[in-house]
Amino acid sequence: MNRHQRLLRRILSGQADANIRFRDVKALLLALGFDERIRGSHHIYELPGLPEVVTLQPQGTNAKRYQVRQLRKLLIQYQLFELLEDD
């Protein structure tokens, strides 16, 4: 299991939302194929064909808790976690 799969498992479990590092979430989204653009402190991620965007802001070195919850909902709703299963 690689680091992206481990992080994905942590996010999907919902037990560590406040302790997920921002840089790890960023790397996961890029590995899933999201495009990144930055506006100030907002990092906006878009996946071609996906009607929603993911917006993240760092809170210190971690991602904000509510944004991790929103990301989990999106990953489940669109079954994006399946994109990493082949690795």
PDB file of N, CA and C in Angstrom:
ATOM      1  N   MET A   1       0.850  -1.174   0.000  1.00  0.00           N
ATOM      2  CA  MET A   1       0.000   0.000   0.000  1.00  0.00           C
ATOM      3  C   MET A   1       0.896   1.237   0.000  1.00  0.00           C
ATOM      4  N   ASN A   2       0.700   2.119  -0.970  1.00  0.00           N
ATOM      5  CA  ASN A   2       1.541   3.307  -1.033  1.00  0.00           C
ATOM      6  C   ASN A   2       0.983   4.424  -0.143  1.00  0.00           C
ATOM      7  N   ARG A   3       1.705   5.528  -0.070  1.00  0.00           N
ATOM      8  CA  ARG A   3       1.329   6.601   0.861  1.00  0.00           C
ATOM      9  C   ARG A   3       0.000   7.249   0.497  1.00  0.00           C
ATOM     10  N   HIS A   4      -0.316   7.337  -0.804  1.00  0.00           N
ATOM     11  CA  HIS A   4      -1.599   7.910  -1.205  1.00  0.00           C
ATOM     12  C   HIS A   4      -2.754   7.019  -0.754  1.00  0.00           C
ATOM     13  N   GLN A   5      -2.577   5.728  -0.873  1.00  0.00           N
ATOM     14  CA  GLN A   5      -3.623   4.798  -0.438  1.00  0.00           C
ATOM     15  C   GLN A   5      -3.804   4.842   1.078  1.00  0.00           C
ATOM     16  N   ARG A   6      -2.703   4.981   1.812  1.00  0.00           N
ATOM     17  CA  ARG A   6      -2.804   5.088   3.278  1.00  0.00           C
ATOM     18  C   ARG A   6      -3.545   6.366   3.675  1.00  0.00           C
ATOM     19  N   LEU A   7      -3.210   7.471   3.015  1.00  0.00           N
ATOM     20  CA  LEU A   7      -3.887   8.732   3.310  1.00  0.00           C
ATOM     21  C   LEU A   7      -5.364   8.636   2.946  1.00  0.00           C
ATOM     22  N   LEU A   8      -5.656   8.051   1.822  1.00  0.00           N
ATOM     23  CA  LEU A   8      -7.043   7.877   1.400  1.00  0.00           C
ATOM     24  C   LEU A   8      -7.824   7.071   2.434  1.00  0.00           C
ATOM     25  N   ARG A   9      -7.213   6.037   2.951  1.00  0.00           N
ATOM     26  CA  ARG A   9      -7.852   5.220   3.992  1.00  0.00           C
ATOM     27  C   ARG A   9      -8.116   6.063   5.244  1.00  0.00           C
ATOM     28  N   ARG A  10      -7.159   6.912   5.636  1.00  0.00           N
ATOM     29  CA  ARG A  10      -7.348   7.786   6.812  1.00  0.00           C
ATOM     30  C   ARG A  10      -8.485   8.774   6.586  1.00  0.00           C
ATOM     31  N   ILE A  11      -8.536   9.356   5.387  1.00  0.00           N
ATOM     32  CA  ILE A  11      -9.595  10.323   5.087  1.00  0.00           C
ATOM     33  C   ILE A  11     -10.954   9.634   5.092  1.00  0.00           C
ATOM     34  N   LEU A  12     -11.047   8.482   4.455  1.00  0.00           N
ATOM     35  CA  LEU A  12     -12.324   7.776   4.368  1.00  0.00           C
ATOM     36  C   LEU A  12     -12.796   7.250   5.721  1.00  0.00           C
ATOM     37  N   SER A  13     -11.862   6.971   6.635  1.00  0.00           N
ATOM     38  CA  SER A  13     -12.255   6.480   7.962  1.00  0.00           C
ATOM     39  C   SER A  13     -12.911   7.577   8.791  1.00  0.00           C
ATOM     40  N   GLY A  14     -12.538   8.838   8.554  1.00  0.00           N
ATOM     41  CA  GLY A  14     -13.132   9.956   9.276  1.00  0.00           C
ATOM     42  C   GLY A  14     -12.657  10.113  10.702  1.00  0.00           C
ATOM     43  N   GLN A  15     -11.594   9.430  11.083  1.00  0.00           N
ATOM     44  CA  GLN A  15     -11.147   9.467  12.471  1.00  0.00           C
ATOM     45  C   GLN A  15     -10.022  10.462  12.732  1.00  0.00           C
ATOM     46  N   ALA A  16      -9.493  11.073  11.684  1.00  0.00           N
ATOM     47  CA  ALA A  16      -8.339  11.953  11.899  1.00  0.00           C
ATOM     48  C   ALA A  16      -8.451  13.240  11.086  1.00  0.00           C
ATOM     49  N   ASP A  17      -9.668  13.760  10.929  1.00  0.00           N
ATOM     50  CA  ASP A  17      -9.865  14.928  10.066  1.00  0.00           C
ATOM     51  C   ASP A  17      -8.996  16.125  10.455  1.00  0.00           C
ATOM     52  N   ALA A  18      -8.751  16.311  11.725  1.00  0.00           N
ATOM     53  CA  ALA A  18      -7.984  17.467  12.182  1.00  0.00           C
ATOM     54  C   ALA A  18      -6.477  17.250  12.066  1.00  0.00           C
ATOM     55  N   ASN A  19      -6.045  16.030  11.788  1.00  0.00           N
ATOM     56  CA  ASN A  19      -4.616  15.723  11.773  1.00  0.00           C
ATOM     57  C   ASN A  19      -4.122  15.254  10.412  1.00  0.00           C
ATOM     58  N   ILE A  20      -4.700  15.788   9.357  1.00  0.00           N
ATOM     59  CA  ILE A  20      -4.281  15.429   8.003  1.00  0.00           C
ATOM     60  C   ILE A  20      -3.452  16.592   7.466  1.00  0.00           C
ATOM     61  N   ARG A  21      -2.241  16.298   7.060  1.00  0.00           N
ATOM     62  CA  ARG A  21      -1.360  17.357   6.579  1.00  0.00           C
ATOM     63  C   ARG A  21      -1.816  17.900   5.227  1.00  0.00           C
ATOM     64  N   PHE A  22      -1.759  19.203   5.111  1.00  0.00           N
ATOM     65  CA  PHE A  22      -2.186  19.884   3.892  1.00  0.00           C
ATOM     66  C   PHE A  22      -1.395  19.387   2.685  1.00  0.00           C
ATOM     67  N   ARG A  23      -0.085  19.284   2.835  1.00  0.00           N
ATOM     68  CA  ARG A  23       0.742  18.882   1.693  1.00  0.00           C
ATOM     69  C   ARG A  23       0.422  17.457   1.241  1.00  0.00           C
ATOM     70  N   ASP A  24       0.005  16.597   2.173  1.00  0.00           N
ATOM     71  CA  ASP A  24      -0.368  15.228   1.812  1.00  0.00           C
ATOM     72  C   ASP A  24      -1.679  15.200   1.030  1.00  0.00           C
ATOM     73  N   VAL A  25      -2.649  16.028   1.450  1.00  0.00           N
ATOM     74  CA  VAL A  25      -3.922  16.107   0.725  1.00  0.00           C
ATOM     75  C   VAL A  25      -3.680  16.654  -0.676  1.00  0.00           C
ATOM     76  N   LYS A  26      -2.830  17.658  -0.753  1.00  0.00           N
ATOM     77  CA  LYS A  26      -2.489  18.247  -2.054  1.00  0.00           C
ATOM     78  C   LYS A  26      -1.877  17.185  -2.975  1.00  0.00           C
ATOM     79  N   ALA A  27      -0.944  16.413  -2.466  1.00  0.00           N
ATOM     80  CA  ALA A  27      -0.298  15.364  -3.265  1.00  0.00           C
ATOM     81  C   ALA A  27      -1.305  14.295  -3.685  1.00  0.00           C
ATOM     82  N   LEU A  28      -2.241  13.959  -2.804  1.00  0.00           N
ATOM     83  CA  LEU A  28      -3.268  12.966  -3.129  1.00  0.00           C
ATOM     84  C   LEU A  28      -4.145  13.459  -4.273  1.00  0.00           C
ATOM     85  N   LEU A  29      -4.598  14.703  -4.180  1.00  0.00           N
ATOM     86  CA  LEU A  29      -5.462  15.240  -5.234  1.00  0.00           C
ATOM     87  C   LEU A  29      -4.737  15.297  -6.573  1.00  0.00           C
ATOM     88  N   LEU A  30      -3.480  15.678  -6.558  1.00  0.00           N
ATOM     89  CA  LEU A  30      -2.710  15.707  -7.805  1.00  0.00           C
ATOM     90  C   LEU A  30      -2.528  14.294  -8.355  1.00  0.00           C
ATOM     91  N   ALA A  31      -2.339  13.309  -7.475  1.00  0.00           N
ATOM     92  CA  ALA A  31      -2.203  11.915  -7.910  1.00  0.00           C
ATOM     93  C   ALA A  31      -3.506  11.386  -8.504  1.00  0.00           C
ATOM     94  N   LEU A  32      -4.642  11.911  -8.029  1.00  0.00           N
ATOM     95  CA  LEU A  32      -5.941  11.507  -8.558  1.00  0.00           C
ATOM     96  C   LEU A  32      -6.251  12.175  -9.899  1.00  0.00           C
ATOM     97  N   GLY A  33      -5.402  13.130 -10.304  1.00  0.00           N
ATOM     98  CA  GLY A  33      -5.589  13.774 -11.601  1.00  0.00           C
ATOM     99  C   GLY A  33      -6.208  15.154 -11.554  1.00  0.00           C
ATOM    100  N   PHE A  34      -6.345  15.720 -10.363  1.00  0.00           N
ATOM    101  CA  PHE A  34      -6.909  17.060 -10.239  1.00  0.00           C
ATOM    102  C   PHE A  34      -5.909  18.099 -10.739  1.00  0.00           C
ATOM    103  N   ASP A  35      -6.431  19.182 -11.297  1.00  0.00           N
ATOM    104  CA  ASP A  35      -5.624  20.341 -11.673  1.00  0.00           C
ATOM    105  C   ASP A  35      -5.703  21.341 -10.525  1.00  0.00           C
ATOM    106  N   GLU A  36      -4.587  22.030 -10.250  1.00  0.00           N
ATOM    107  CA  GLU A  36      -4.530  22.966  -9.128  1.00  0.00           C
ATOM    108  C   GLU A  36      -4.362  24.386  -9.631  1.00  0.00           C
ATOM    109  N   ARG A  37      -5.092  25.303  -8.983  1.00  0.00           N
ATOM    110  CA  ARG A  37      -4.815  26.724  -9.160  1.00  0.00           C
ATOM    111  C   ARG A  37      -4.892  27.361  -7.784  1.00  0.00           C
ATOM    112  N   ILE A  38      -4.127  28.405  -7.602  1.00  0.00           N
ATOM    113  CA  ILE A  38      -4.010  29.020  -6.282  1.00  0.00           C
ATOM    114  C   ILE A  38      -4.428  30.478  -6.371  1.00  0.00           C
ATOM    115  N   ARG A  39      -5.283  30.880  -5.437  1.00  0.00           N
ATOM    116  CA  ARG A  39      -5.703  32.269  -5.302  1.00  0.00           C
ATOM    117  C   ARG A  39      -5.505  32.653  -3.837  1.00  0.00           C
ATOM    118  N   GLY A  40      -4.439  33.362  -3.552  1.00  0.00           N
ATOM    119  CA  GLY A  40      -4.138  33.705  -2.165  1.00  0.00           C
ATOM    120  C   GLY A  40      -3.850  32.446  -1.366  1.00  0.00           C
ATOM    121  N   SER A  41      -4.601  32.247  -0.289  1.00  0.00           N
ATOM    122  CA  SER A  41      -4.396  31.046   0.528  1.00  0.00           C
ATOM    123  C   SER A  41      -5.288  29.889   0.081  1.00  0.00           C
ATOM    124  N   HIS A  42      -6.158  30.128  -0.887  1.00  0.00           N
ATOM    125  CA  HIS A  42      -7.070  29.090  -1.371  1.00  0.00           C
ATOM    126  C   HIS A  42      -6.420  28.283  -2.488  1.00  0.00           C
ATOM    127  N   HIS A  43      -6.394  26.993  -2.302  1.00  0.00           N
ATOM    128  CA  HIS A  43      -5.912  26.071  -3.327  1.00  0.00           C
ATOM    129  C   HIS A  43      -7.157  25.402  -3.897  1.00  0.00           C
ATOM    130  N   ILE A  44      -7.386  25.593  -5.181  1.00  0.00           N
ATOM    131  CA  ILE A  44      -8.603  25.116  -5.829  1.00  0.00           C
ATOM    132  C   ILE A  44      -8.228  23.981  -6.765  1.00  0.00           C
ATOM    133  N   TYR A  45      -8.928  22.852  -6.613  1.00  0.00           N
ATOM    134  CA  TYR A  45      -8.624  21.653  -7.393  1.00  0.00           C
ATOM    135  C   TYR A  45      -9.840  21.278  -8.224  1.00  0.00           C
ATOM    136  N   GLU A  46      -9.589  21.055  -9.512  1.00  0.00           N
ATOM    137  CA  GLU A  46     -10.651  20.666 -10.432  1.00  0.00           C
ATOM    138  C   GLU A  46     -10.240  19.395 -11.153  1.00  0.00           C
ATOM    139  N   LEU A  47     -11.210  18.525 -11.344  1.00  0.00           N
ATOM    140  CA  LEU A  47     -10.994  17.294 -12.093  1.00  0.00           C
ATOM    141  C   LEU A  47     -11.872  17.370 -13.334  1.00  0.00           C
ATOM    142  N   PRO A  48     -11.278  17.270 -14.525  1.00  0.00           N
ATOM    143  CA  PRO A  48     -12.087  17.340 -15.741  1.00  0.00           C
ATOM    144  C   PRO A  48     -13.223  16.313 -15.694  1.00  0.00           C
ATOM    145  N   GLY A  49     -14.423  16.782 -15.983  1.00  0.00           N
ATOM    146  CA  GLY A  49     -15.593  15.912 -15.970  1.00  0.00           C
ATOM    147  C   GLY A  49     -16.320  15.862 -14.642  1.00  0.00           C
ATOM    148  N   LEU A  50     -15.742  16.445 -13.609  1.00  0.00           N
ATOM    149  CA  LEU A  50     -16.368  16.459 -12.286  1.00  0.00           C
ATOM    150  C   LEU A  50     -17.047  17.816 -12.099  1.00  0.00           C
ATOM    151  N   PRO A  51     -18.345  17.847 -11.759  1.00  0.00           N
ATOM    152  CA  PRO A  51     -19.054  19.126 -11.671  1.00  0.00           C
ATOM    153  C   PRO A  51     -18.694  19.966 -10.443  1.00  0.00           C
ATOM    154  N   GLU A  52     -17.984  19.413  -9.485  1.00  0.00           N
ATOM    155  CA  GLU A  52     -17.641  20.143  -8.267  1.00  0.00           C
ATOM    156  C   GLU A  52     -16.142  20.398  -8.198  1.00  0.00           C
ATOM    157  N   VAL A  53     -15.766  21.414  -7.441  1.00  0.00           N
ATOM    158  CA  VAL A  53     -14.356  21.699  -7.211  1.00  0.00           C
ATOM    159  C   VAL A  53     -14.049  21.461  -5.733  1.00  0.00           C
ATOM    160  N   VAL A  54     -12.776  21.258  -5.444  1.00  0.00           N
ATOM    161  CA  VAL A  54     -12.308  21.088  -4.069  1.00  0.00           C
ATOM    162  C   VAL A  54     -11.486  22.321  -3.728  1.00  0.00           C
ATOM    163  N   THR A  55     -11.859  22.995  -2.656  1.00  0.00           N
ATOM    164  CA  THR A  55     -11.116  24.163  -2.200  1.00  0.00           C
ATOM    165  C   THR A  55     -10.504  23.838  -0.846  1.00  0.00           C
ATOM    166  N   LEU A  56      -9.199  24.037  -0.742  1.00  0.00           N
ATOM    167  CA  LEU A  56      -8.489  23.760   0.508  1.00  0.00           C
ATOM    168  C   LEU A  56      -7.708  24.986   0.941  1.00  0.00           C
ATOM    169  N   GLN A  57      -7.587  25.142   2.244  1.00  0.00           N
ATOM    170  CA  GLN A  57      -6.742  26.171   2.829  1.00  0.00           C
ATOM    171  C   GLN A  57      -5.920  25.516   3.929  1.00  0.00           C
ATOM    172  N   PRO A  58      -4.639  25.840   3.986  1.00  0.00           N
ATOM    173  CA  PRO A  58      -3.857  25.298   5.096  1.00  0.00           C
ATOM    174  C   PRO A  58      -4.223  25.993   6.409  1.00  0.00           C
ATOM    175  N   GLN A  59      -4.183  25.232   7.475  1.00  0.00           N
ATOM    176  CA  GLN A  59      -4.328  25.775   8.825  1.00  0.00           C
ATOM    177  C   GLN A  59      -3.084  25.322   9.565  1.00  0.00           C
ATOM    178  N   GLY A  60      -2.064  26.149   9.524  1.00  0.00           N
ATOM    179  CA  GLY A  60      -0.750  25.706   9.977  1.00  0.00           C
ATOM    180  C   GLY A  60      -0.219  24.736   8.939  1.00  0.00           C
ATOM    181  N   THR A  61       0.150  23.536   9.363  1.00  0.00           N
ATOM    182  CA  THR A  61       0.629  22.526   8.413  1.00  0.00           C
ATOM    183  C   THR A  61      -0.477  21.560   8.001  1.00  0.00           C
ATOM    184  N   ASN A  62      -1.643  21.658   8.632  1.00  0.00           N
ATOM    185  CA  ASN A  62      -2.739  20.733   8.356  1.00  0.00           C
ATOM    186  C   ASN A  62      -3.794  21.354   7.452  1.00  0.00           C
ATOM    187  N   ALA A  63      -4.605  20.496   6.859  1.00  0.00           N
ATOM    188  CA  ALA A  63      -5.780  20.951   6.122  1.00  0.00           C
ATOM    189  C   ALA A  63      -6.881  21.226   7.145  1.00  0.00           C
ATOM    190  N   LYS A  64      -7.782  22.122   6.795  1.00  0.00           N
ATOM    191  CA  LYS A  64      -8.879  22.425   7.709  1.00  0.00           C
ATOM    192  C   LYS A  64      -9.813  21.227   7.818  1.00  0.00           C
ATOM    193  N   ARG A  65     -10.281  20.992   9.021  1.00  0.00           N
ATOM    194  CA  ARG A  65     -11.097  19.812   9.322  1.00  0.00           C
ATOM    195  C   ARG A  65     -12.349  19.738   8.446  1.00  0.00           C
ATOM    196  N   TYR A  66     -13.076  20.847   8.332  1.00  0.00           N
ATOM    197  CA  TYR A  66     -14.323  20.801   7.565  1.00  0.00           C
ATOM    198  C   TYR A  66     -14.052  20.562   6.084  1.00  0.00           C
ATOM    199  N   GLN A  67     -12.905  21.000   5.592  1.00  0.00           N
ATOM    200  CA  GLN A  67     -12.574  20.770   4.190  1.00  0.00           C
ATOM    201  C   GLN A  67     -12.196  19.309   3.947  1.00  0.00           C
ATOM    202  N   VAL A  68     -11.603  18.661   4.928  1.00  0.00           N
ATOM    203  CA  VAL A  68     -11.320  17.225   4.816  1.00  0.00           C
ATOM    204  C   VAL A  68     -12.637  16.457   4.780  1.00  0.00           C
ATOM    205  N   ARG A  69     -13.615  16.874   5.589  1.00  0.00           N
ATOM    206  CA  ARG A  69     -14.937  16.224   5.564  1.00  0.00           C
ATOM    207  C   ARG A  69     -15.604  16.409   4.205  1.00  0.00           C
ATOM    208  N   GLN A  70     -15.503  17.615   3.637  1.00  0.00           N
ATOM    209  CA  GLN A  70     -16.077  17.862   2.311  1.00  0.00           C
ATOM    210  C   GLN A  70     -15.387  17.000   1.259  1.00  0.00           C
ATOM    211  N   LEU A  71     -14.077  16.864   1.373  1.00  0.00           N
ATOM    212  CA  LEU A  71     -13.328  16.031   0.438  1.00  0.00           C
ATOM    213  C   LEU A  71     -13.768  14.574   0.552  1.00  0.00           C
ATOM    214  N   ARG A  72     -13.947  14.076   1.780  1.00  0.00           N
ATOM    215  CA  ARG A  72     -14.393  12.698   1.976  1.00  0.00           C
ATOM    216  C   ARG A  72     -15.744  12.476   1.296  1.00  0.00           C
ATOM    217  N   LYS A  73     -16.662  13.411   1.480  1.00  0.00           N
ATOM    218  CA  LYS A  73     -17.988  13.302   0.863  1.00  0.00           C
ATOM    219  C   LYS A  73     -17.869  13.230  -0.662  1.00  0.00           C
ATOM    220  N   LEU A  74     -17.013  14.057  -1.230  1.00  0.00           N
ATOM    221  CA  LEU A  74     -16.804  14.077  -2.677  1.00  0.00           C
ATOM    222  C   LEU A  74     -16.172  12.775  -3.165  1.00  0.00           C
ATOM    223  N   LEU A  75     -15.176  12.279  -2.442  1.00  0.00           N
ATOM    224  CA  LEU A  75     -14.509  11.024  -2.814  1.00  0.00           C
ATOM    225  C   LEU A  75     -15.492   9.860  -2.835  1.00  0.00           C
ATOM    226  N   ILE A  76     -16.398   9.847  -1.865  1.00  0.00           N
ATOM    227  CA  ILE A  76     -17.381   8.769  -1.792  1.00  0.00           C
ATOM    228  C   ILE A  76     -18.464   8.949  -2.852  1.00  0.00           C
ATOM    229  N   GLN A  77     -18.970  10.169  -2.971  1.00  0.00           N
ATOM    230  CA  GLN A  77     -20.061  10.434  -3.910  1.00  0.00           C
ATOM    231  C   GLN A  77     -19.692  10.064  -5.349  1.00  0.00           C
ATOM    232  N   TYR A  78     -18.483  10.418  -5.758  1.00  0.00           N
ATOM    233  CA  TYR A  78     -18.056  10.164  -7.136  1.00  0.00           C
ATOM    234  C   TYR A  78     -17.128   8.953  -7.247  1.00  0.00           C
ATOM    235  N   GLN A  79     -16.960   8.219  -6.151  1.00  0.00           N
ATOM    236  CA  GLN A  79     -16.134   7.012  -6.100  1.00  0.00           C
ATOM    237  C   GLN A  79     -14.728   7.254  -6.660  1.00  0.00           C
ATOM    238  N   LEU A  80     -14.159   8.392  -6.302  1.00  0.00           N
ATOM    239  CA  LEU A  80     -12.829   8.756  -6.798  1.00  0.00           C
ATOM    240  C   LEU A  80     -11.735   7.897  -6.186  1.00  0.00           C
ATOM    241  N   PHE A  81     -12.009   7.273  -5.042  1.00  0.00           N
ATOM    242  CA  PHE A  81     -11.005   6.421  -4.405  1.00  0.00           C
ATOM    243  C   PHE A  81     -10.634   5.247  -5.301  1.00  0.00           C
ATOM    244  N   GLU A  82     -11.504   4.888  -6.234  1.00  0.00           N
ATOM    245  CA  GLU A  82     -11.217   3.776  -7.144  1.00  0.00           C
ATOM    246  C   GLU A  82     -10.084   4.105  -8.115  1.00  0.00           C
ATOM    247  N   LEU A  83      -9.796   5.387  -8.304  1.00  0.00           N
ATOM    248  CA  LEU A  83      -8.719   5.782  -9.213  1.00  0.00           C
ATOM    249  C   LEU A  83      -7.352   5.336  -8.711  1.00  0.00           C
ATOM    250  N   LEU A  84      -7.214   5.105  -7.404  1.00  0.00           N
ATOM    251  CA  LEU A  84      -5.928   4.689  -6.832  1.00  0.00           C
ATOM    252  C   LEU A  84      -5.818   3.182  -6.637  1.00  0.00           C
ATOM    253  N   GLU A  85      -6.895   2.456  -6.811  1.00  0.00           N
ATOM    254  CA  GLU A  85      -6.867   1.019  -6.541  1.00  0.00           C
ATOM    255  C   GLU A  85      -5.965   0.252  -7.493  1.00  0.00           C
ATOM    256  N   ASP A  86      -5.742   0.771  -8.692  1.00  0.00           N
ATOM    257  CA  ASP A  86      -4.917   0.066  -9.672  1.00  0.00           C
ATOM    258  C   ASP A  86      -3.426   0.201  -9.400  1.00  0.00           C
ATOM    259  N   ASP A  87      -3.041   1.171  -8.559  1.00  0.00           N
ATOM    260  CA  ASP A  87      -1.611   1.405  -8.290  1.00  0.00           C
ATOM    261  C   ASP A  87      -1.014   0.310  -7.449  1.00  0.00           C
TER     262      ASP A  87
END
